[in-house]
Each structure stands twice: as structure tokens, then as C-alpha cells.
């Protein structure tokens, strides 16, 4: 199963999620499972929308807290995908996965905004330039992976169609070239994640 999300980025770098082959869903699961709905996904989407409408205050503490709040959403979205992966049929999964991917990509886009502001306040230019592209690549990868995994090539879900230009605009602003979805690979994402650098530790005071 491909994982969209990794660990938080604020510490010093971004840890990419591990990737394992996606297991086949049991053929005997034919009936609609009551758990295969977008209740959790809808809640996460509403939270991201609320954060988008109300940006955090422009101070380090507020930016740090909002980044952590968005990281919680990313973790919940990955957990929900893992749960549904093991419970839902191939017919049930794509719409929910597409919506979840939109949530994940939007959360990463908002984290990219926050990272740029936070590291600028911390006077850490290397992180200002390297962390946002890694976050945006992670968001683009979530969208691409979901659409590429679909059993049929559907039109993007409404949330995916809404989020794609948000990622594109931010990517253009930081000089990141986004590949077509068909060419968006884990290797491409991980290459950018590996380049994400945090603030260097202060040098010890001489004695």
C-alpha cells in the first residue's frame, strides 16, 4: 500500500512514508460495508477548509501549532485510508480515496505556506527554500498516486479538482516543476524530501 504521509517536517527534515505493494482486496467482499463512507473524510475536509479560511497569526508559536494541527490531519487521513483499504471493495474505494487525497494535498499546501513564514521568522533561509517544495511534492504525489491507482480513469473528484490549482500555484511560486500525474513517482517525491533542510543548530559558544 502506498502511503501518502510521513512524519512531521518542523524538527529538522521531512521523513517520507514507506511504500509497500498494495494488497489485493478480497474478492469475497461484495456487499457495501457500512464503514465505507466519507464521514471521517468529510470531517477532515471541513477542518482543512476552516484552517484555510483562518490563517494562523504571524508568530513562531502560532505557526508551529498550526503546522502540528495540520500534521494531525495528515496522520488521520492516512489512518482512514489504511482502514478503508482493508474493508472496502474496488468499487467503493476510489471516491473516498480521491477525497482523502484532496484533504492530504491541501494540508500539505497549507503546511508549505506555514513553513516558509516560520523559517523566515527563524532566519533560516535554507529551510525557507527547501522545505516548501518537499511539502508540495508530497501533496502532488498524494493526488497522483490516488488517481493512478484507480481501477478506471475517473474525472477528478471535486475536492481534487479544487486542490490541484492550489498546489500548482504554490509550486510555481517556489520554482518547483510538477510532473504529469502519470510521471509522478515516489522517487521524485523522495528526492525533494531528501533536500529539505532544517535550521542548523547554533554553534557552541567558545570558552
C-alpha atoms as a PDB file:
ATOM      1  CA  UNK A   1       0.000   0.000   0.000  1.00  0.00           C
ATOM      2  CA  UNK A   2       1.439   3.352  -0.949  1.00  0.00           C
ATOM      3  CA  UNK A   3       1.477   5.779   1.930  1.00  0.00           C
ATOM      4  CA  UNK A   4       0.814   9.434   1.323  1.00  0.00           C
ATOM      5  CA  UNK A   5       2.123  10.883   4.518  1.00  0.00           C
ATOM      6  CA  UNK A   6       5.319  10.810   6.532  1.00  0.00           C
ATOM      7  CA  UNK A   7       6.441  12.263   9.829  1.00  0.00           C
ATOM      8  CA  UNK A   8       6.315  15.994  10.618  1.00  0.00           C
ATOM      9  CA  UNK A   9       8.760  18.343   8.974  1.00  0.00           C
ATOM     10  CA  UNK A  10       9.400  21.011  11.571  1.00  0.00           C
ATOM     11  CA  UNK A  11      12.015  19.150  13.600  1.00  0.00           C
ATOM     12  CA  UNK A  12      14.814  19.251  11.042  1.00  0.00           C
ATOM     13  CA  UNK A  13      13.707  17.392   7.921  1.00  0.00           C
ATOM     14  CA  UNK A  14      10.845  15.501   6.330  1.00  0.00           C
ATOM     15  CA  UNK A  15      10.596  11.737   6.686  1.00  0.00           C
ATOM     16  CA  UNK A  16       8.895  10.130   3.701  1.00  0.00           C
ATOM     17  CA  UNK A  17       6.317   7.405   4.246  1.00  0.00           C
ATOM     18  CA  UNK A  18       7.310   3.862   3.394  1.00  0.00           C
ATOM     19  CA  UNK A  19       5.864   2.166   0.365  1.00  0.00           C
ATOM     20  CA  UNK A  20       4.814  -1.449   0.146  1.00  0.00           C
ATOM     21  CA  UNK A  21       2.903  -3.309  -2.562  1.00  0.00           C
ATOM     22  CA  UNK A  22      -0.815  -2.683  -2.424  1.00  0.00           C
ATOM     23  CA  UNK A  23      -2.559  -5.876  -1.330  1.00  0.00           C
ATOM     24  CA  UNK A  24      -5.406  -7.181  -3.433  1.00  0.00           C
ATOM     25  CA  UNK A  25      -8.811  -6.722  -1.849  1.00  0.00           C
ATOM     26  CA  UNK A  26     -10.648  -9.958  -1.044  1.00  0.00           C
ATOM     27  CA  UNK A  27     -12.892 -10.966  -3.927  1.00  0.00           C
ATOM     28  CA  UNK A  28     -15.490 -12.274  -1.497  1.00  0.00           C
ATOM     29  CA  UNK A  29     -16.262  -8.756  -0.223  1.00  0.00           C
ATOM     30  CA  UNK A  30     -19.243  -7.917  -2.380  1.00  0.00           C
ATOM     31  CA  UNK A  31     -21.747  -6.138  -0.192  1.00  0.00           C
ATOM     32  CA  UNK A  32     -21.454  -2.465   0.661  1.00  0.00           C
ATOM     33  CA  UNK A  33     -19.760  -2.177   4.041  1.00  0.00           C
ATOM     34  CA  UNK A  34     -21.399   0.343   6.327  1.00  0.00           C
ATOM     35  CA  UNK A  35     -17.948   1.643   7.300  1.00  0.00           C
ATOM     36  CA  UNK A  36     -17.132   2.506   3.670  1.00  0.00           C
ATOM     37  CA  UNK A  37     -18.359   6.074   3.784  1.00  0.00           C
ATOM     38  CA  UNK A  38     -16.832   9.512   3.791  1.00  0.00           C
ATOM     39  CA  UNK A  39     -17.921  10.554   7.278  1.00  0.00           C
ATOM     40  CA  UNK A  40     -14.388  10.801   8.623  1.00  0.00           C
ATOM     41  CA  UNK A  41     -13.069  12.207   5.364  1.00  0.00           C
ATOM     42  CA  UNK A  42     -15.757  14.882   5.330  1.00  0.00           C
ATOM     43  CA  UNK A  43     -14.806  15.935   8.851  1.00  0.00           C
ATOM     44  CA  UNK A  44     -11.149  16.217   7.865  1.00  0.00           C
ATOM     45  CA  UNK A  45     -12.059  18.225   4.777  1.00  0.00           C
ATOM     46  CA  UNK A  46     -14.080  20.666   6.869  1.00  0.00           C
ATOM     47  CA  UNK A  47     -11.144  21.096   9.235  1.00  0.00           C
ATOM     48  CA  UNK A  48      -8.751  21.877   6.389  1.00  0.00           C
ATOM     49  CA  UNK A  49     -11.200  24.341   4.887  1.00  0.00           C
ATOM     50  CA  UNK A  50     -11.524  26.067   8.241  1.00  0.00           C
ATOM     51  CA  UNK A  51      -7.735  26.349   8.549  1.00  0.00           C
ATOM     52  CA  UNK A  52      -7.559  27.751   5.020  1.00  0.00           C
ATOM     53  CA  UNK A  53     -10.119  30.425   5.904  1.00  0.00           C
ATOM     54  CA  UNK A  54      -8.371  31.346   9.155  1.00  0.00           C
ATOM     55  CA  UNK A  55      -4.590  31.535   8.711  1.00  0.00           C
ATOM     56  CA  UNK A  56      -2.533  31.463  11.899  1.00  0.00           C
ATOM     57  CA  UNK A  57      -1.051  34.569  13.437  1.00  0.00           C
ATOM     58  CA  UNK A  58       2.324  35.548  12.054  1.00  0.00           C
ATOM     59  CA  UNK A  59       4.405  34.464  15.024  1.00  0.00           C
ATOM     60  CA  UNK A  60       6.512  31.359  15.538  1.00  0.00           C
ATOM     61  CA  UNK A  61       4.329  29.803  18.236  1.00  0.00           C
ATOM     62  CA  UNK A  62       1.086  30.154  16.257  1.00  0.00           C
ATOM     63  CA  UNK A  63       2.700  28.869  13.078  1.00  0.00           C
ATOM     64  CA  UNK A  64       4.216  25.919  14.914  1.00  0.00           C
ATOM     65  CA  UNK A  65       0.869  24.982  16.449  1.00  0.00           C
ATOM     66  CA  UNK A  66      -0.979  25.227  13.134  1.00  0.00           C
ATOM     67  CA  UNK A  67       1.668  23.088  11.432  1.00  0.00           C
ATOM     68  CA  UNK A  68       1.164  20.458  14.135  1.00  0.00           C
ATOM     69  CA  UNK A  69      -2.625  20.651  13.725  1.00  0.00           C
ATOM     70  CA  UNK A  70      -2.276  20.018  10.006  1.00  0.00           C
ATOM     71  CA  UNK A  71       0.141  17.179  10.674  1.00  0.00           C
ATOM     72  CA  UNK A  72      -2.555  15.588  12.842  1.00  0.00           C
ATOM     73  CA  UNK A  73      -4.966  15.789   9.918  1.00  0.00           C
ATOM     74  CA  UNK A  74      -2.394  14.126   7.672  1.00  0.00           C
ATOM     75  CA  UNK A  75      -1.967  11.270  10.125  1.00  0.00           C
ATOM     76  CA  UNK A  76      -5.734  10.820  10.500  1.00  0.00           C
ATOM     77  CA  UNK A  77      -6.176  10.799   6.729  1.00  0.00           C
ATOM     78  CA  UNK A  78      -3.534   8.101   6.301  1.00  0.00           C
ATOM     79  CA  UNK A  79      -5.104   6.037   9.079  1.00  0.00           C
ATOM     80  CA  UNK A  80      -8.526   6.346   7.461  1.00  0.00           C
ATOM     81  CA  UNK A  81      -7.121   5.235   4.121  1.00  0.00           C
ATOM     82  CA  UNK A  82      -5.458   2.245   5.755  1.00  0.00           C
ATOM     83  CA  UNK A  83      -8.717   1.259   7.450  1.00  0.00           C
ATOM     84  CA  UNK A  84     -10.815   1.574   4.310  1.00  0.00           C
ATOM     85  CA  UNK A  85      -8.170  -0.220   2.236  1.00  0.00           C
ATOM     86  CA  UNK A  86      -8.854  -3.350   4.255  1.00  0.00           C
ATOM     87  CA  UNK A  87     -12.625  -3.030   4.389  1.00  0.00           C
ATOM     88  CA  UNK A  88     -13.920  -1.661   1.106  1.00  0.00           C
ATOM     89  CA  UNK A  89     -14.268  -3.073  -2.377  1.00  0.00           C
ATOM     90  CA  UNK A  90     -12.652  -1.680  -5.509  1.00  0.00           C
ATOM     91  CA  UNK A  91     -15.960  -0.066  -6.384  1.00  0.00           C
ATOM     92  CA  UNK A  92     -16.312   1.631  -3.015  1.00  0.00           C
ATOM     93  CA  UNK A  93     -12.764   2.887  -2.512  1.00  0.00           C
ATOM     94  CA  UNK A  94     -11.966   5.356  -5.333  1.00  0.00           C
ATOM     95  CA  UNK A  95     -14.383   8.187  -4.430  1.00  0.00           C
ATOM     96  CA  UNK A  96     -13.336   8.176  -0.789  1.00  0.00           C
ATOM     97  CA  UNK A  97      -9.641   7.840  -1.609  1.00  0.00           C
ATOM     98  CA  UNK A  98      -9.879  10.736  -4.052  1.00  0.00           C
ATOM     99  CA  UNK A  99     -11.455  12.923  -1.393  1.00  0.00           C
ATOM    100  CA  UNK A 100      -8.852  11.845   1.156  1.00  0.00           C
ATOM    101  CA  UNK A 101      -6.084  12.664  -1.314  1.00  0.00           C
ATOM    102  CA  UNK A 102      -7.554  16.123  -1.731  1.00  0.00           C
ATOM    103  CA  UNK A 103      -7.516  16.592   2.037  1.00  0.00           C
ATOM    104  CA  UNK A 104      -3.891  15.445   2.246  1.00  0.00           C
ATOM    105  CA  UNK A 105      -2.725  17.617  -0.639  1.00  0.00           C
ATOM    106  CA  UNK A 106      -4.476  20.707   0.747  1.00  0.00           C
ATOM    107  CA  UNK A 107      -2.984  20.123   4.201  1.00  0.00           C
ATOM    108  CA  UNK A 108       0.492  19.874   2.672  1.00  0.00           C
ATOM    109  CA  UNK A 109      -0.112  23.084   0.711  1.00  0.00           C
ATOM    110  CA  UNK A 110      -1.042  24.923   3.897  1.00  0.00           C
ATOM    111  CA  UNK A 111       1.990  23.461   5.642  1.00  0.00           C
ATOM    112  CA  UNK A 112       4.161  24.768   2.815  1.00  0.00           C
ATOM    113  CA  UNK A 113       2.804  28.278   3.426  1.00  0.00           C
ATOM    114  CA  UNK A 114       3.437  27.973   7.150  1.00  0.00           C
ATOM    115  CA  UNK A 115       6.936  26.539   6.755  1.00  0.00           C
ATOM    116  CA  UNK A 116       8.038  29.451   4.580  1.00  0.00           C
ATOM    117  CA  UNK A 117       6.751  32.007   7.096  1.00  0.00           C
ATOM    118  CA  UNK A 118       8.027  30.166  10.159  1.00  0.00           C
ATOM    119  CA  UNK A 119      11.539  29.587   8.874  1.00  0.00           C
ATOM    120  CA  UNK A 120      11.726  33.190   7.669  1.00  0.00           C
ATOM    121  CA  UNK A 121      10.940  34.339  11.212  1.00  0.00           C
ATOM    122  CA  UNK A 122      13.630  31.978  12.464  1.00  0.00           C
ATOM    123  CA  UNK A 123      16.089  33.484   9.977  1.00  0.00           C
ATOM    124  CA  UNK A 124      16.690  30.120   8.330  1.00  0.00           C
ATOM    125  CA  UNK A 125      16.818  30.762   4.560  1.00  0.00           C
ATOM    126  CA  UNK A 126      17.943  27.237   3.650  1.00  0.00           C
ATOM    127  CA  UNK A 127      14.715  25.850   5.124  1.00  0.00           C
ATOM    128  CA  UNK A 128      12.612  28.603   3.542  1.00  0.00           C
ATOM    129  CA  UNK A 129      13.745  27.468   0.105  1.00  0.00           C
ATOM    130  CA  UNK A 130      13.955  23.691   0.622  1.00  0.00           C
ATOM    131  CA  UNK A 131      11.042  22.678   2.865  1.00  0.00           C
ATOM    132  CA  UNK A 132       8.035  24.109   0.947  1.00  0.00           C
ATOM    133  CA  UNK A 133       8.941  22.280  -2.315  1.00  0.00           C
ATOM    134  CA  UNK A 134       9.199  18.997  -0.392  1.00  0.00           C
ATOM    135  CA  UNK A 135       5.774  19.538   1.159  1.00  0.00           C
ATOM    136  CA  UNK A 136       4.205  20.466  -2.174  1.00  0.00           C
ATOM    137  CA  UNK A 137       5.788  17.421  -3.811  1.00  0.00           C
ATOM    138  CA  UNK A 138       4.258  15.264  -1.091  1.00  0.00           C
ATOM    139  CA  UNK A 139       0.845  16.773  -1.763  1.00  0.00           C
ATOM    140  CA  UNK A 140       1.155  16.306  -5.523  1.00  0.00           C
ATOM    141  CA  UNK A 141       2.268  12.715  -5.005  1.00  0.00           C
ATOM    142  CA  UNK A 142      -0.845  12.008  -2.901  1.00  0.00           C
ATOM    143  CA  UNK A 143      -3.081  13.247  -5.716  1.00  0.00           C
ATOM    144  CA  UNK A 144      -1.159  11.405  -8.422  1.00  0.00           C
ATOM    145  CA  UNK A 145      -0.982   8.137  -6.530  1.00  0.00           C
ATOM    146  CA  UNK A 146      -4.708   8.063  -5.909  1.00  0.00           C
ATOM    147  CA  UNK A 147      -5.693   8.837  -9.480  1.00  0.00           C
ATOM    148  CA  UNK A 148      -3.118   6.448 -10.923  1.00  0.00           C
ATOM    149  CA  UNK A 149      -4.324   3.643  -8.635  1.00  0.00           C
ATOM    150  CA  UNK A 150      -7.976   3.966  -9.654  1.00  0.00           C
ATOM    151  CA  UNK A 151      -9.397   0.963 -11.456  1.00  0.00           C
ATOM    152  CA  UNK A 152     -10.795   3.258 -14.151  1.00  0.00           C
ATOM    153  CA  UNK A 153      -9.599   6.735 -15.099  1.00  0.00           C
ATOM    154  CA  UNK A 154     -12.294   8.849 -13.426  1.00  0.00           C
ATOM    155  CA  UNK A 155     -12.685  12.580 -13.644  1.00  0.00           C
ATOM    156  CA  UNK A 156     -11.001  14.110 -10.601  1.00  0.00           C
ATOM    157  CA  UNK A 157     -13.231  14.274  -7.550  1.00  0.00           C
ATOM    158  CA  UNK A 158     -14.489  17.810  -6.848  1.00  0.00           C
ATOM    159  CA  UNK A 159     -12.030  18.307  -3.998  1.00  0.00           C
ATOM    160  CA  UNK A 160      -9.105  17.013  -6.091  1.00  0.00           C
ATOM    161  CA  UNK A 161     -10.044  19.376  -8.924  1.00  0.00           C
ATOM    162  CA  UNK A 162     -10.232  22.213  -6.389  1.00  0.00           C
ATOM    163  CA  UNK A 163      -6.865  21.451  -4.804  1.00  0.00           C
ATOM    164  CA  UNK A 164      -4.799  20.853  -7.960  1.00  0.00           C
ATOM    165  CA  UNK A 165      -4.524  24.563  -8.858  1.00  0.00           C
ATOM    166  CA  UNK A 166      -3.627  25.375  -5.245  1.00  0.00           C
ATOM    167  CA  UNK A 167      -0.617  23.071  -5.482  1.00  0.00           C
ATOM    168  CA  UNK A 168       0.282  24.311  -8.962  1.00  0.00           C
ATOM    169  CA  UNK A 169       0.208  27.981  -7.950  1.00  0.00           C
ATOM    170  CA  UNK A 170       2.366  27.401  -4.887  1.00  0.00           C
ATOM    171  CA  UNK A 171       4.771  25.218  -6.856  1.00  0.00           C
ATOM    172  CA  UNK A 172       5.200  27.915  -9.476  1.00  0.00           C
ATOM    173  CA  UNK A 173       5.875  30.472  -6.743  1.00  0.00           C
ATOM    174  CA  UNK A 174       8.752  28.398  -5.325  1.00  0.00           C
ATOM    175  CA  UNK A 175      10.146  27.297  -8.687  1.00  0.00           C
ATOM    176  CA  UNK A 176       9.020  23.674  -8.413  1.00  0.00           C
ATOM    177  CA  UNK A 177       8.161  21.919 -11.673  1.00  0.00           C
ATOM    178  CA  UNK A 178       5.336  19.438 -11.165  1.00  0.00           C
ATOM    179  CA  UNK A 179       5.405  16.391 -13.446  1.00  0.00           C
ATOM    180  CA  UNK A 180       2.258  14.968 -15.050  1.00  0.00           C
ATOM    181  CA  UNK A 181       0.424  12.629 -12.717  1.00  0.00           C
ATOM    182  CA  UNK A 182       1.474   9.642 -14.827  1.00  0.00           C
ATOM    183  CA  UNK A 183       5.140  10.559 -14.246  1.00  0.00           C
ATOM    184  CA  UNK A 184       4.839  11.450 -10.565  1.00  0.00           C
ATOM    185  CA  UNK A 185       6.799   8.825  -8.691  1.00  0.00           C
ATOM    186  CA  UNK A 186       7.846   8.091  -5.154  1.00  0.00           C
ATOM    187  CA  UNK A 187      11.444   8.632  -6.281  1.00  0.00           C
ATOM    188  CA  UNK A 188      10.631  12.180  -7.466  1.00  0.00           C
ATOM    189  CA  UNK A 189       8.926  12.998  -4.181  1.00  0.00           C
ATOM    190  CA  UNK A 190      11.645  11.440  -2.051  1.00  0.00           C
ATOM    191  CA  UNK A 191      14.377  13.305  -3.943  1.00  0.00           C
ATOM    192  CA  UNK A 192      12.800  16.609  -2.957  1.00  0.00           C
ATOM    193  CA  UNK A 193      12.114  15.409   0.581  1.00  0.00           C
ATOM    194  CA  UNK A 194      15.784  14.475   0.951  1.00  0.00           C
ATOM    195  CA  UNK A 195      16.761  18.037   0.025  1.00  0.00           C
ATOM    196  CA  UNK A 196      14.581  19.567   2.752  1.00  0.00           C
ATOM    197  CA  UNK A 197      16.871  21.039   5.388  1.00  0.00           C
ATOM    198  CA  UNK A 198      16.008  22.400   8.782  1.00  0.00           C
ATOM    199  CA  UNK A 199      17.715  25.192  10.650  1.00  0.00           C
ATOM    200  CA  UNK A 200      21.286  24.370  11.597  1.00  0.00           C
ATOM    201  CA  UNK A 201      21.978  24.030  15.285  1.00  0.00           C
ATOM    202  CA  UNK A 202      23.670  27.069  16.785  1.00  0.00           C
ATOM    203  CA  UNK A 203      27.400  26.763  17.187  1.00  0.00           C
ATOM    204  CA  UNK A 204      28.575  26.217  20.761  1.00  0.00           C
ATOM    205  CA  UNK A 205      29.903  29.298  22.469  1.00  0.00           C
ATOM    206  CA  UNK A 206      33.693  29.342  22.670  1.00  0.00           C
ATOM    207  CA  UNK A 207      35.165  29.049  26.137  1.00  0.00           C
END
